Structure formats: structure tokens, C-alpha cells
Amino acid sequence: MTQPGAQAADSAPGWVTWTIDDGFAARLARVQLRLEGIVLVIPASMLLLAGLVVGLVLQAWFVTVLAVLASALLVPLFVLRQRSRARRTHPVGTVLRSCVTIDELVLEGPRGTSRVGHRLVRSVRRWGDMVVVRFANGVHEVIPVELLGEDGAALLARRAGHKPHKPRKPRQPRQPTDGAGRSEGPGLPG
């Protein structure tokens, strides 16, 4: 079995192989919370506000307390759900491979291979030992730094959102106006 961060002996140059470790699910859940945190804040705030209003109108303090408790439980429940999902989709010991070429990002796992051209990558951010890649359709992919390698992460960040260079037309110099009360240059008397 390949050790985390070690390159497999049978892999071609440029490929990085990484094995999912025990802490991956927790790290992935933390990054997902950072990405989707605003999605949790809105329902928690609405729940809290509704509980306060109903509690004040009915003069029932227990409704307000229940609303506070329910809104406080949203974040831990979200983190537990994300960890459970990560353990299901990325079991410990699963071997992943990646290759960052000059044109595309290639990811291989037990569910198949994905190839994404750099022109579809909008941003690359590093959060601790994870790299968050945002694509043109708004989808985020969270990838361990070890899977991309330092060189691959840097290349992907440089090429993010890269558009082919279009040659510019040379600027035409301004033509002086004739007699409309304007002068040819700034500050010159007319």
C-alpha cells in the first residue's frame, strides 16, 4: 500500500499518489464548513428570530430557549453530517492519484477519472493542508495538498481562470478638435 504523500513506483512521471488517512474526514468537514458556513448562518438566524418573536408574543420563555438551542445545534449537526458523508465517499485506505499538466487537472479515484481544463478553474485557495479549487460552474473541489504536490498546486493557481492572450489593437492618438472651445492639450490657453 502507498504511504500518504508517497509516489507509487509504477506511476508515470507527474502523477502523485496519495492514500486517504484517518483524519481526512474531519479535515474535509472543517473546510466544507468554511465554504458553506453562510448557508448555515441564515437558517440559524431565522430560527432564532422566529423563536424570539413567538416567545415574546406568547410570553413563553421556553419557546425562546428551544429556538436558541436548535440554532446552536445546526453547526455541530452539519459537521457530523459532512464527516459521515466524507467517510462514506472517501473510505480510509482509498488510493487517489492526480496529475497537473500544463493544460488540465486529472484526478483518479475508485469512482473514476475526471479531467478539467485549466480554463474552467476560477480560483485556487489553500486552507491549511487542503486546497479548494473553484470551477466556472460554482462547484468546489477540496483536494489534499499532498495529492496535488506543491508544484501542481502552484501551477494550478497560476493557470486559474487563464484566458488565451488576445493581441491588443494599438491606441490611436487623440485627434485635436477644431474650434469647439476645447484645446489640444490640458492647461494650454485657447
Protein backbone atom coordinates (compact mmCIF):
# COMPACT_ATOMS: atom_id res chain seq x y z
CA MET A 1 0.00 0.00 0.00
CA THR A 2 1.23 3.50 -0.81
CA GLN A 3 2.03 5.77 2.13
CA PRO A 4 0.30 9.17 2.28
CA GLY A 5 2.16 11.63 0.09
CA ALA A 6 4.45 8.97 -1.44
CA GLN A 7 4.60 8.49 -5.17
CA ALA A 8 3.80 5.00 -6.38
CA ALA A 9 6.64 3.09 -8.03
CA ASP A 10 4.54 2.18 -11.06
CA SER A 11 3.14 5.66 -11.68
CA ALA A 12 4.24 7.75 -14.62
CA PRO A 13 6.21 10.97 -14.06
CA GLY A 14 3.98 13.84 -13.00
CA TRP A 15 1.47 11.61 -11.22
CA VAL A 16 1.11 11.89 -7.45
CA THR A 17 -0.44 9.04 -5.47
CA TRP A 18 -1.92 9.55 -2.01
CA THR A 19 -3.78 7.27 0.40
CA ILE A 20 -6.66 8.66 2.48
CA ASP A 21 -5.77 8.68 6.18
CA ASP A 22 -7.90 8.61 9.36
CA GLY A 23 -8.08 12.39 9.80
CA PHE A 24 -9.17 13.20 6.24
CA ALA A 25 -12.92 13.15 7.01
CA ALA A 26 -12.53 15.68 9.84
CA ARG A 27 -10.31 18.00 7.75
CA LEU A 28 -12.73 17.80 4.83
CA ALA A 29 -15.70 18.60 7.11
CA ARG A 30 -13.89 21.68 8.50
CA VAL A 31 -13.20 23.01 5.01
CA GLN A 32 -16.80 22.32 3.93
CA LEU A 33 -18.00 24.28 6.98
CA ARG A 34 -15.85 27.24 5.91
CA LEU A 35 -17.20 27.00 2.36
CA GLU A 36 -20.86 26.59 3.28
CA GLY A 37 -20.92 28.50 6.56
CA ILE A 38 -23.14 31.27 5.25
CA VAL A 39 -25.71 28.65 4.27
CA LEU A 40 -25.92 27.70 7.97
CA VAL A 41 -25.99 31.24 9.33
CA ILE A 42 -29.17 32.24 7.51
CA PRO A 43 -31.41 29.35 8.72
CA ALA A 44 -29.95 29.55 12.23
CA SER A 45 -30.64 33.29 12.37
CA MET A 46 -34.18 32.86 11.03
CA LEU A 47 -34.88 30.10 13.56
CA LEU A 48 -33.56 32.24 16.39
CA LEU A 49 -35.55 35.30 15.27
CA ALA A 50 -38.76 33.29 14.89
CA GLY A 51 -38.28 31.76 18.33
CA LEU A 52 -37.73 35.17 19.91
CA VAL A 53 -40.82 36.67 18.26
CA VAL A 54 -43.07 33.71 19.12
CA GLY A 55 -41.67 33.62 22.67
CA LEU A 56 -42.38 37.32 23.20
CA VAL A 57 -45.84 37.23 21.62
CA LEU A 58 -46.97 34.15 23.56
CA GLN A 59 -44.96 35.16 26.63
CA ALA A 60 -43.49 31.68 26.68
CA TRP A 61 -39.79 31.73 27.57
CA PHE A 62 -39.36 28.05 26.73
CA VAL A 63 -40.01 28.74 23.02
CA THR A 64 -37.14 31.22 23.01
CA VAL A 65 -34.86 28.74 24.82
CA LEU A 66 -35.76 25.99 22.33
CA ALA A 67 -35.02 28.32 19.41
CA VAL A 68 -31.60 29.21 20.86
CA LEU A 69 -30.74 25.54 21.44
CA ALA A 70 -31.94 24.47 17.98
CA SER A 71 -29.97 27.20 16.22
CA ALA A 72 -26.86 26.34 18.27
CA LEU A 73 -27.13 22.67 17.23
CA LEU A 74 -27.19 23.39 13.48
CA VAL A 75 -23.39 23.73 13.12
CA PRO A 76 -22.42 20.55 15.03
CA LEU A 77 -25.06 18.56 13.16
CA PHE A 78 -23.75 19.90 9.85
CA VAL A 79 -20.16 18.93 10.77
CA LEU A 80 -21.25 15.42 11.79
CA ARG A 81 -23.19 15.01 8.54
CA GLN A 82 -20.17 16.18 6.48
CA ARG A 83 -17.82 13.78 8.31
CA SER A 84 -20.21 10.90 7.76
CA ARG A 85 -20.51 11.74 4.06
CA ALA A 86 -16.71 12.03 3.73
CA ARG A 87 -16.20 8.62 5.39
CA ARG A 88 -18.73 7.06 3.00
CA THR A 89 -17.39 8.62 -0.19
CA HIS A 90 -13.68 8.55 0.77
CA PRO A 91 -13.00 5.47 2.93
CA VAL A 92 -9.71 5.24 4.82
CA GLY A 93 -7.10 3.44 2.72
CA THR A 94 -8.53 4.56 -0.64
CA VAL A 95 -5.76 5.42 -3.10
CA LEU A 96 -6.15 8.61 -5.11
CA ARG A 97 -3.96 9.85 -7.97
CA SER A 98 -3.61 13.24 -9.59
CA CYS A 99 -1.65 14.92 -12.33
CA VAL A 100 -1.48 18.62 -13.07
CA THR A 101 -0.36 19.16 -16.63
CA ILE A 102 0.15 22.42 -18.46
CA ASP A 103 -3.45 22.21 -19.77
CA GLU A 104 -5.54 20.23 -17.30
CA LEU A 105 -6.07 18.76 -13.85
CA VAL A 106 -6.58 14.99 -13.82
CA LEU A 107 -7.96 13.25 -10.71
CA GLU A 108 -8.32 9.46 -10.39
CA GLY A 109 -10.12 7.58 -7.66
CA PRO A 110 -12.20 4.46 -7.14
CA ARG A 111 -15.23 6.13 -8.74
CA GLY A 112 -13.43 7.07 -11.95
CA THR A 113 -11.28 9.72 -13.58
CA SER A 114 -12.06 13.39 -14.06
CA ARG A 115 -10.23 15.78 -16.37
CA VAL A 116 -10.74 19.52 -16.04
CA GLY A 117 -9.11 22.08 -18.28
CA HIS A 118 -7.42 25.00 -16.53
CA ARG A 119 -9.69 27.43 -18.34
CA LEU A 120 -12.58 26.13 -16.18
CA VAL A 121 -10.73 26.73 -12.90
CA ARG A 122 -11.69 30.10 -11.43
CA SER A 123 -9.72 30.14 -8.17
CA VAL A 124 -7.32 28.05 -6.10
CA ARG A 125 -7.04 28.70 -2.36
CA ARG A 126 -5.02 26.83 0.21
CA TRP A 127 -6.58 26.31 3.64
CA GLY A 128 -4.10 24.51 5.86
CA ASP A 129 -3.34 21.13 4.31
CA MET A 130 -6.25 21.32 1.84
CA VAL A 131 -6.60 23.11 -1.49
CA VAL A 132 -10.01 24.43 -2.55
CA VAL A 133 -10.45 24.62 -6.32
CA ARG A 134 -13.49 26.61 -7.55
CA PHE A 135 -14.70 25.87 -11.07
CA ALA A 136 -16.59 28.06 -13.53
CA ASN A 137 -19.94 26.43 -12.66
CA GLY A 138 -19.51 27.38 -8.97
CA VAL A 139 -18.65 23.86 -7.78
CA HIS A 140 -15.81 23.50 -5.27
CA GLU A 141 -13.42 20.56 -5.13
CA VAL A 142 -11.45 20.06 -1.92
CA ILE A 143 -8.13 18.30 -2.55
CA PRO A 144 -5.37 17.45 -0.06
CA VAL A 145 -2.14 19.37 -0.74
CA GLU A 146 -0.24 16.07 -0.73
CA LEU A 147 -2.34 14.85 -3.66
CA LEU A 148 -1.56 17.86 -5.84
CA GLY A 149 2.02 18.29 -4.72
CA GLU A 150 3.50 21.73 -4.11
CA ASP A 151 4.41 22.21 -7.79
CA GLY A 152 0.98 21.09 -9.00
CA ALA A 153 -0.87 23.40 -6.61
CA ALA A 154 1.32 26.34 -7.65
CA LEU A 155 0.82 25.63 -11.37
CA LEU A 156 -2.92 25.28 -10.92
CA ALA A 157 -3.07 28.57 -9.00
CA ARG A 158 -1.07 30.36 -11.73
CA ARG A 159 -3.27 28.98 -14.50
CA ALA A 160 -6.61 29.55 -12.71
CA GLY A 161 -9.00 31.42 -14.94
CA HIS A 162 -6.31 31.80 -17.60
CA LYS A 163 -7.70 33.15 -20.82
CA PRO A 164 -5.79 32.91 -24.10
CA HIS A 165 -3.96 36.14 -24.88
CA LYS A 166 -5.65 38.31 -27.48
CA PRO A 167 -3.42 40.86 -29.17
CA ARG A 168 -4.46 44.42 -28.44
CA LYS A 169 -5.11 46.98 -31.09
CA PRO A 170 -2.73 49.91 -30.76
CA ARG A 171 -4.34 53.03 -29.36
CA GLN A 172 -4.98 55.78 -31.81
CA PRO A 173 -3.75 59.20 -30.70
CA ARG A 174 -6.45 61.72 -29.94
CA GLN A 175 -7.33 64.00 -32.78
CA PRO A 176 -7.42 67.69 -31.93
CA THR A 177 -10.85 69.27 -32.05
CA ASP A 178 -11.42 72.28 -34.22
CA GLY A 179 -12.98 75.40 -32.73
CA ALA A 180 -15.45 73.84 -30.27
CA GLY A 181 -13.86 75.75 -27.41
CA ARG A 182 -11.56 72.91 -26.46
CA SER A 183 -7.84 72.97 -26.68
CA GLU A 184 -5.45 70.28 -27.86
CA GLY A 185 -3.75 69.71 -24.51
CA PRO A 186 -4.65 70.20 -20.91
CA GLY A 187 -3.86 73.59 -19.41
CA LEU A 188 -2.95 75.31 -22.66
CA PRO A 189 -4.58 78.63 -23.33
CA GLY A 190 -7.22 78.59 -26.04
